[in-house]
Amino acid sequence: MSRNLNNIAREIVTYQKEHDIPDTMLAFNLHFSVEELHDIKSMHRAPSQDEVDIIKKTLG
C-alpha cells in the first residue's frame, strides 16, 4: 500500500535524490537528529513551522 507524501516530505525526498545526499548528511545540515528527519519524511509527525522554515531555507 502506497502513501502519498505531504509537500515537505516530497521536497526532502526530491532534494535528496537530486543531490545524492544521505539522511545523515541532510540531518546534519538541518541541525536535526536523523530520527527527527525520518519522522518528518515518513509523516509520523508534522514539522513545526520553525522546522519547515529551516528545511525550506536549507533546500533552497
PDB file of N, CA and C in Angstrom:
ATOM      1  N   MET A   1       0.834  -1.166   0.000  1.00  0.00           N
ATOM      2  CA  MET A   1       0.000   0.000   0.000  1.00  0.00           C
ATOM      3  C   MET A   1       0.889   1.242   0.000  1.00  0.00           C
ATOM      4  N   SER A   2       0.659   2.151  -0.914  1.00  0.00           N
ATOM      5  CA  SER A   2       1.485   3.335  -1.028  1.00  0.00           C
ATOM      6  C   SER A   2       0.780   4.522  -0.400  1.00  0.00           C
ATOM      7  N   ARG A   3       1.575   5.373   0.235  1.00  0.00           N
ATOM      8  CA  ARG A   3       1.033   6.588   0.848  1.00  0.00           C
ATOM      9  C   ARG A   3       1.519   7.782   0.056  1.00  0.00           C
ATOM     10  N   ASN A   4       0.656   8.751  -0.108  1.00  0.00           N
ATOM     11  CA  ASN A   4       1.082   9.990  -0.747  1.00  0.00           C
ATOM     12  C   ASN A   4       1.884  10.806   0.252  1.00  0.00           C
ATOM     13  N   LEU A   5       2.973  11.386  -0.207  1.00  0.00           N
ATOM     14  CA  LEU A   5       3.794  12.212   0.659  1.00  0.00           C
ATOM     15  C   LEU A   5       3.215  13.611   0.765  1.00  0.00           C
ATOM     16  N   ASN A   6       3.336  14.205   1.949  1.00  0.00           N
ATOM     17  CA  ASN A   6       2.940  15.596   2.060  1.00  0.00           C
ATOM     18  C   ASN A   6       4.002  16.453   1.365  1.00  0.00           C
ATOM     19  N   ASN A   7       3.746  17.726   1.202  1.00  0.00           N
ATOM     20  CA  ASN A   7       4.636  18.584   0.420  1.00  0.00           C
ATOM     21  C   ASN A   7       6.054  18.636   0.965  1.00  0.00           C
ATOM     22  N   ILE A   8       6.219  18.794   2.263  1.00  0.00           N
ATOM     23  CA  ILE A   8       7.560  18.933   2.819  1.00  0.00           C
ATOM     24  C   ILE A   8       8.329  17.621   2.713  1.00  0.00           C
ATOM     25  N   ALA A   9       7.656  16.500   2.940  1.00  0.00           N
ATOM     26  CA  ALA A   9       8.313  15.198   2.790  1.00  0.00           C
ATOM     27  C   ALA A   9       8.733  14.988   1.340  1.00  0.00           C
ATOM     28  N   ARG A  10       7.874  15.364   0.412  1.00  0.00           N
ATOM     29  CA  ARG A  10       8.190  15.238  -1.016  1.00  0.00           C
ATOM     30  C   ARG A  10       9.391  16.112  -1.374  1.00  0.00           C
ATOM     31  N   GLU A  11       9.432  17.333  -0.849  1.00  0.00           N
ATOM     32  CA  GLU A  11      10.554  18.230  -1.128  1.00  0.00           C
ATOM     33  C   GLU A  11      11.866  17.644  -0.614  1.00  0.00           C
ATOM     34  N   ILE A  12      11.825  17.066   0.573  1.00  0.00           N
ATOM     35  CA  ILE A  12      13.025  16.462   1.150  1.00  0.00           C
ATOM     36  C   ILE A  12      13.500  15.299   0.293  1.00  0.00           C
ATOM     37  N   VAL A  13      12.594  14.400  -0.050  1.00  0.00           N
ATOM     38  CA  VAL A  13      12.955  13.216  -0.840  1.00  0.00           C
ATOM     39  C   VAL A  13      13.494  13.632  -2.210  1.00  0.00           C
ATOM     40  N   THR A  14      12.842  14.577  -2.843  1.00  0.00           N
ATOM     41  CA  THR A  14      13.284  15.050  -4.164  1.00  0.00           C
ATOM     42  C   THR A  14      14.667  15.670  -4.068  1.00  0.00           C
ATOM     43  N   TYR A  15      14.889  16.500  -3.068  1.00  0.00           N
ATOM     44  CA  TYR A  15      16.195  17.138  -2.873  1.00  0.00           C
ATOM     45  C   TYR A  15      17.280  16.081  -2.676  1.00  0.00           C
ATOM     46  N   GLN A  16      16.989  15.087  -1.847  1.00  0.00           N
ATOM     47  CA  GLN A  16      17.971  14.038  -1.603  1.00  0.00           C
ATOM     48  C   GLN A  16      18.300  13.262  -2.877  1.00  0.00           C
ATOM     49  N   LYS A  17      17.298  12.969  -3.679  1.00  0.00           N
ATOM     50  CA  LYS A  17      17.534  12.247  -4.924  1.00  0.00           C
ATOM     51  C   LYS A  17      18.361  13.085  -5.897  1.00  0.00           C
ATOM     52  N   GLU A  18      18.001  14.363  -6.030  1.00  0.00           N
ATOM     53  CA  GLU A  18      18.690  15.233  -6.979  1.00  0.00           C
ATOM     54  C   GLU A  18      20.134  15.509  -6.582  1.00  0.00           C
ATOM     55  N   HIS A  19      20.408  15.541  -5.278  1.00  0.00           N
ATOM     56  CA  HIS A  19      21.744  15.886  -4.800  1.00  0.00           C
ATOM     57  C   HIS A  19      22.518  14.690  -4.238  1.00  0.00           C
ATOM     58  N   ASP A  20      21.920  13.513  -4.316  1.00  0.00           N
ATOM     59  CA  ASP A  20      22.550  12.281  -3.820  1.00  0.00           C
ATOM     60  C   ASP A  20      23.099  12.478  -2.405  1.00  0.00           C
ATOM     61  N   ILE A  21      22.224  12.935  -1.524  1.00  0.00           N
ATOM     62  CA  ILE A  21      22.616  13.219  -0.139  1.00  0.00           C
ATOM     63  C   ILE A  21      21.889  12.269   0.809  1.00  0.00           C
ATOM     64  N   PRO A  22      22.634  11.572   1.656  1.00  0.00           N
ATOM     65  CA  PRO A  22      22.004  10.623   2.587  1.00  0.00           C
ATOM     66  C   PRO A  22      21.329  11.345   3.752  1.00  0.00           C
ATOM     67  N   ASP A  23      20.475  10.623   4.447  1.00  0.00           N
ATOM     68  CA  ASP A  23      19.743  11.178   5.588  1.00  0.00           C
ATOM     69  C   ASP A  23      20.685  11.761   6.638  1.00  0.00           C
ATOM     70  N   THR A  24      21.784  11.077   6.917  1.00  0.00           N
ATOM     71  CA  THR A  24      22.693  11.555   7.963  1.00  0.00           C
ATOM     72  C   THR A  24      23.260  12.925   7.626  1.00  0.00           C
ATOM     73  N   MET A  25      23.665  13.128   6.379  1.00  0.00           N
ATOM     74  CA  MET A  25      24.240  14.408   5.984  1.00  0.00           C
ATOM     75  C   MET A  25      23.178  15.510   5.964  1.00  0.00           C
ATOM     76  N   LEU A  26      21.993  15.193   5.462  1.00  0.00           N
ATOM     77  CA  LEU A  26      20.934  16.195   5.430  1.00  0.00           C
ATOM     78  C   LEU A  26      20.520  16.569   6.854  1.00  0.00           C
ATOM     79  N   ALA A  27      20.389  15.593   7.722  1.00  0.00           N
ATOM     80  CA  ALA A  27      20.034  15.875   9.115  1.00  0.00           C
ATOM     81  C   ALA A  27      21.092  16.782   9.744  1.00  0.00           C
ATOM     82  N   PHE A  28      22.353  16.502   9.477  1.00  0.00           N
ATOM     83  CA  PHE A  28      23.450  17.334   9.990  1.00  0.00           C
ATOM     84  C   PHE A  28      23.318  18.766   9.474  1.00  0.00           C
ATOM     85  N   ASN A  29      23.070  18.906   8.179  1.00  0.00           N
ATOM     86  CA  ASN A  29      22.938  20.232   7.575  1.00  0.00           C
ATOM     87  C   ASN A  29      21.734  21.006   8.126  1.00  0.00           C
ATOM     88  N   LEU A  30      20.676  20.284   8.472  1.00  0.00           N
ATOM     89  CA  LEU A  30      19.476  20.909   9.007  1.00  0.00           C
ATOM     90  C   LEU A  30      19.565  21.162  10.515  1.00  0.00           C
ATOM     91  N   HIS A  31      20.571  20.569  11.163  1.00  0.00           N
ATOM     92  CA  HIS A  31      20.711  20.600  12.619  1.00  0.00           C
ATOM     93  C   HIS A  31      19.551  19.862  13.287  1.00  0.00           C
ATOM     94  N   PHE A  32      19.107  18.782  12.637  1.00  0.00           N
ATOM     95  CA  PHE A  32      18.085  17.888  13.174  1.00  0.00           C
ATOM     96  C   PHE A  32      18.772  16.566  13.499  1.00  0.00           C
ATOM     97  N   SER A  33      18.148  15.776  14.351  1.00  0.00           N
ATOM     98  CA  SER A  33      18.629  14.405  14.519  1.00  0.00           C
ATOM     99  C   SER A  33      18.126  13.593  13.317  1.00  0.00           C
ATOM    100  N   VAL A  34      18.781  12.495  13.058  1.00  0.00           N
ATOM    101  CA  VAL A  34      18.338  11.624  11.971  1.00  0.00           C
ATOM    102  C   VAL A  34      16.927  11.121  12.253  1.00  0.00           C
ATOM    103  N   GLU A  35      16.635  10.861  13.519  1.00  0.00           N
ATOM    104  CA  GLU A  35      15.302  10.394  13.895  1.00  0.00           C
ATOM    105  C   GLU A  35      14.241  11.444  13.585  1.00  0.00           C
ATOM    106  N   GLU A  36      14.553  12.711  13.867  1.00  0.00           N
ATOM    107  CA  GLU A  36      13.606  13.785  13.551  1.00  0.00           C
ATOM    108  C   GLU A  36      13.356  13.859  12.051  1.00  0.00           C
ATOM    109  N   LEU A  37      14.420  13.768  11.269  1.00  0.00           N
ATOM    110  CA  LEU A  37      14.284  13.800   9.811  1.00  0.00           C
ATOM    111  C   LEU A  37      13.451  12.617   9.323  1.00  0.00           C
ATOM    112  N   HIS A  38      13.720  11.432   9.851  1.00  0.00           N
ATOM    113  CA  HIS A  38      12.950  10.250   9.458  1.00  0.00           C
ATOM    114  C   HIS A  38      11.475  10.407   9.797  1.00  0.00           C
ATOM    115  N   ASP A  39      11.186  10.947  10.972  1.00  0.00           N
ATOM    116  CA  ASP A  39       9.787  11.140  11.369  1.00  0.00           C
ATOM    117  C   ASP A  39       9.067  12.102  10.429  1.00  0.00           C
ATOM    118  N   ILE A  40       9.751  13.146  10.008  1.00  0.00           N
ATOM    119  CA  ILE A  40       9.148  14.110   9.086  1.00  0.00           C
ATOM    120  C   ILE A  40       8.967  13.483   7.709  1.00  0.00           C
ATOM    121  N   LYS A  41      10.000  12.800   7.217  1.00  0.00           N
ATOM    122  CA  LYS A  41       9.917  12.164   5.892  1.00  0.00           C
ATOM    123  C   LYS A  41       8.854  11.077   5.842  1.00  0.00           C
ATOM    124  N   SER A  42       8.719  10.323   6.918  1.00  0.00           N
ATOM    125  CA  SER A  42       7.744   9.224   6.941  1.00  0.00           C
ATOM    126  C   SER A  42       6.364   9.698   7.366  1.00  0.00           C
ATOM    127  N   MET A  43       6.253  10.968   7.674  1.00  0.00           N
ATOM    128  CA  MET A  43       4.992  11.595   8.073  1.00  0.00           C
ATOM    129  C   MET A  43       4.437  11.022   9.376  1.00  0.00           C
ATOM    130  N   HIS A  44       5.344  10.561  10.251  1.00  0.00           N
ATOM    131  CA  HIS A  44       4.913  10.125  11.580  1.00  0.00           C
ATOM    132  C   HIS A  44       4.598  11.320  12.452  1.00  0.00           C
ATOM    133  N   ARG A  45       5.158  12.466  12.077  1.00  0.00           N
ATOM    134  CA  ARG A  45       4.801  13.709  12.756  1.00  0.00           C
ATOM    135  C   ARG A  45       4.960  14.863  11.778  1.00  0.00           C
ATOM    136  N   ALA A  46       4.192  15.886  12.014  1.00  0.00           N
ATOM    137  CA  ALA A  46       4.278  17.082  11.174  1.00  0.00           C
ATOM    138  C   ALA A  46       5.357  17.993  11.745  1.00  0.00           C
ATOM    139  N   PRO A  47       6.153  18.593  10.881  1.00  0.00           N
ATOM    140  CA  PRO A  47       7.172  19.514  11.383  1.00  0.00           C
ATOM    141  C   PRO A  47       6.535  20.801  11.888  1.00  0.00           C
ATOM    142  N   SER A  48       7.196  21.409  12.850  1.00  0.00           N
ATOM    143  CA  SER A  48       6.735  22.714  13.328  1.00  0.00           C
ATOM    144  C   SER A  48       7.008  23.750  12.236  1.00  0.00           C
ATOM    145  N   GLN A  49       6.434  24.923  12.386  1.00  0.00           N
ATOM    146  CA  GLN A  49       6.669  25.969  11.397  1.00  0.00           C
ATOM    147  C   GLN A  49       8.147  26.359  11.360  1.00  0.00           C
ATOM    148  N   ASP A  50       8.806  26.377  12.519  1.00  0.00           N
ATOM    149  CA  ASP A  50      10.240  26.673  12.551  1.00  0.00           C
ATOM    150  C   ASP A  50      11.030  25.625  11.770  1.00  0.00           C
ATOM    151  N   GLU A  51      10.661  24.352  11.930  1.00  0.00           N
ATOM    152  CA  GLU A  51      11.344  23.287  11.191  1.00  0.00           C
ATOM    153  C   GLU A  51      11.095  23.417   9.694  1.00  0.00           C
ATOM    154  N   VAL A  52       9.878  23.753   9.305  1.00  0.00           N
ATOM    155  CA  VAL A  52       9.565  23.952   7.898  1.00  0.00           C
ATOM    156  C   VAL A  52      10.411  25.083   7.323  1.00  0.00           C
ATOM    157  N   ASP A  53      10.532  26.166   8.080  1.00  0.00           N
ATOM    158  CA  ASP A  53      11.350  27.293   7.634  1.00  0.00           C
ATOM    159  C   ASP A  53      12.813  26.903   7.447  1.00  0.00           C
ATOM    160  N   ILE A  54      13.343  26.130   8.379  1.00  0.00           N
ATOM    161  CA  ILE A  54      14.732  25.661   8.286  1.00  0.00           C
ATOM    162  C   ILE A  54      14.902  24.766   7.069  1.00  0.00           C
ATOM    163  N   ILE A  55      13.973  23.854   6.868  1.00  0.00           N
ATOM    164  CA  ILE A  55      14.054  22.920   5.735  1.00  0.00           C
ATOM    165  C   ILE A  55      14.019  23.692   4.432  1.00  0.00           C
ATOM    166  N   LYS A  56      13.069  24.605   4.290  1.00  0.00           N
ATOM    167  CA  LYS A  56      12.935  25.365   3.044  1.00  0.00           C
ATOM    168  C   LYS A  56      14.163  26.232   2.779  1.00  0.00           C
ATOM    169  N   LYS A  57      14.719  26.835   3.831  1.00  0.00           N
ATOM    170  CA  LYS A  57      15.915  27.660   3.681  1.00  0.00           C
ATOM    171  C   LYS A  57      17.108  26.809   3.243  1.00  0.00           C
ATOM    172  N   THR A  58      17.254  25.640   3.850  1.00  0.00           N
ATOM    173  CA  THR A  58      18.385  24.757   3.531  1.00  0.00           C
ATOM    174  C   THR A  58      18.263  24.141   2.143  1.00  0.00           C
ATOM    175  N   LEU A  59      17.055  23.734   1.779  1.00  0.00           N
ATOM    176  CA  LEU A  59      16.866  23.089   0.485  1.00  0.00           C
ATOM    177  C   LEU A  59      16.847  24.098  -0.657  1.00  0.00           C
ATOM    178  N   GLY A  60      16.637  25.341  -0.308  1.00  0.00           N
ATOM    179  CA  GLY A  60      16.649  26.393  -1.335  1.00  0.00           C
ATOM    180  C   GLY A  60      15.394  26.484  -2.041  1.00  0.00           C
TER     181      GLY A  60
END
